[in-house]
Protein backbone atom coordinates (compact mmCIF):
# COMPACT_ATOMS: atom_id res chain seq x y z
CA UNK A 1 -16.62 -24.54 10.01
CA UNK A 2 -17.44 -27.63 12.01
CA UNK A 3 -15.12 -30.58 12.39
CA UNK A 4 -17.47 -32.79 10.36
CA UNK A 5 -17.35 -30.31 7.49
CA UNK A 6 -13.56 -30.24 7.61
CA UNK A 7 -13.43 -34.03 7.73
CA UNK A 8 -15.74 -34.22 4.71
CA UNK A 9 -13.55 -31.76 2.79
CA UNK A 10 -10.50 -33.80 3.78
CA UNK A 11 -12.11 -36.90 2.29
CA UNK A 12 -13.42 -35.03 -0.76
CA UNK A 13 -9.97 -33.62 -1.52
CA UNK A 14 -8.57 -37.13 -1.65
CA UNK A 15 -11.43 -38.41 -3.79
CA UNK A 16 -11.11 -35.53 -6.27
CA UNK A 17 -7.33 -35.26 -6.40
CA UNK A 18 -6.77 -39.02 -6.38
CA UNK A 19 -8.29 -39.85 -9.79
CA UNK A 20 -6.74 -36.73 -11.36
CA UNK A 21 -3.27 -37.78 -10.30
CA UNK A 22 -4.01 -41.38 -11.18
CA UNK A 23 -4.94 -40.34 -14.71
CA UNK A 24 -1.84 -38.20 -15.02
CA UNK A 25 0.65 -40.72 -13.68
CA UNK A 26 1.73 -43.77 -15.65
CA UNK A 27 1.87 -45.84 -12.46
CA UNK A 28 -1.76 -46.27 -11.43
CA UNK A 29 -0.90 -47.36 -7.90
CA UNK A 30 0.48 -43.94 -6.99
CA UNK A 31 -2.99 -42.37 -6.80
CA UNK A 32 -3.12 -43.26 -3.11
CA UNK A 33 -0.38 -40.71 -2.47
CA UNK A 34 -2.67 -38.01 -3.82
CA UNK A 35 -5.28 -39.08 -1.29
CA UNK A 36 -2.75 -39.13 1.55
CA UNK A 37 -1.08 -35.85 0.56
CA UNK A 38 -3.84 -33.85 -1.14
CA UNK A 39 -6.38 -34.41 1.62
CA UNK A 40 -4.19 -33.18 4.49
CA UNK A 41 -2.83 -30.25 2.45
CA UNK A 42 -6.32 -28.93 1.73
CA UNK A 43 -7.48 -29.76 5.28
CA UNK A 44 -4.66 -27.79 6.91
CA UNK A 45 -5.00 -24.94 4.42
CA UNK A 46 -8.70 -24.61 5.30
CA UNK A 47 -7.86 -24.79 9.00
CA UNK A 48 -5.28 -22.02 8.56
CA UNK A 49 -7.72 -19.97 6.49
CA UNK A 50 -10.40 -20.38 9.14
CA UNK A 51 -8.03 -19.01 11.80
CA UNK A 52 -7.26 -15.81 9.87
CA UNK A 53 -9.01 -12.64 11.01
CA UNK A 54 -11.73 -11.28 8.75
CA UNK A 55 -9.97 -7.88 8.58
CA UNK A 56 -6.21 -8.03 8.26
CA UNK A 57 -5.39 -4.50 9.47
CA UNK A 58 -5.91 -2.84 12.81
CA UNK A 59 -7.32 0.25 11.11
CA UNK A 60 -11.07 0.58 10.81
CA UNK A 61 -13.05 2.25 8.06
CA UNK A 62 -13.47 5.32 10.27
CA UNK A 63 -9.73 5.63 10.92
CA UNK A 64 -9.14 5.79 7.18
CA UNK A 65 -11.95 8.31 6.66
CA UNK A 66 -10.62 10.54 9.45
CA UNK A 67 -7.12 10.46 7.96
CA UNK A 68 -8.52 11.46 4.59
CA UNK A 69 -10.42 14.35 6.15
CA UNK A 70 -7.31 15.54 7.99
CA UNK A 71 -5.49 15.53 4.67
CA UNK A 72 -8.24 17.63 3.11
CA UNK A 73 -8.07 20.13 5.98
CA UNK A 74 -4.32 20.60 5.46
CA UNK A 75 -4.86 21.78 1.93
CA UNK A 76 -2.40 21.47 -0.91
CA UNK A 77 0.31 23.84 0.39
CA UNK A 78 1.66 21.60 3.12
CA UNK A 79 1.82 17.98 4.08
CA UNK A 80 2.26 15.59 1.22
CA UNK A 81 1.24 18.11 -1.44
CA UNK A 82 4.03 20.61 -0.79
CA UNK A 83 4.76 21.53 -4.39
CA UNK A 84 7.03 18.60 -5.19
CA UNK A 85 4.14 16.29 -6.03
CA UNK A 86 1.89 18.57 -8.07
């Protein structure tokens, strides 16, 4: 996500949240706080979200498949299925 896109979302968050808070609050002048607070909150959340890895675990699809196959090779008389879980 480019900086210009993030800046636009920062502005958009203030524009969208501002009138909502302004309509909800009896004091109309407080809408500016929604712009000042809502914009940065969404901006930093998107920045944090952008920094997260696409896959959260270190295990790949093939690691999981291999573990499943090893479990199948063990059969049901040992390992996890040792009679207590059947």
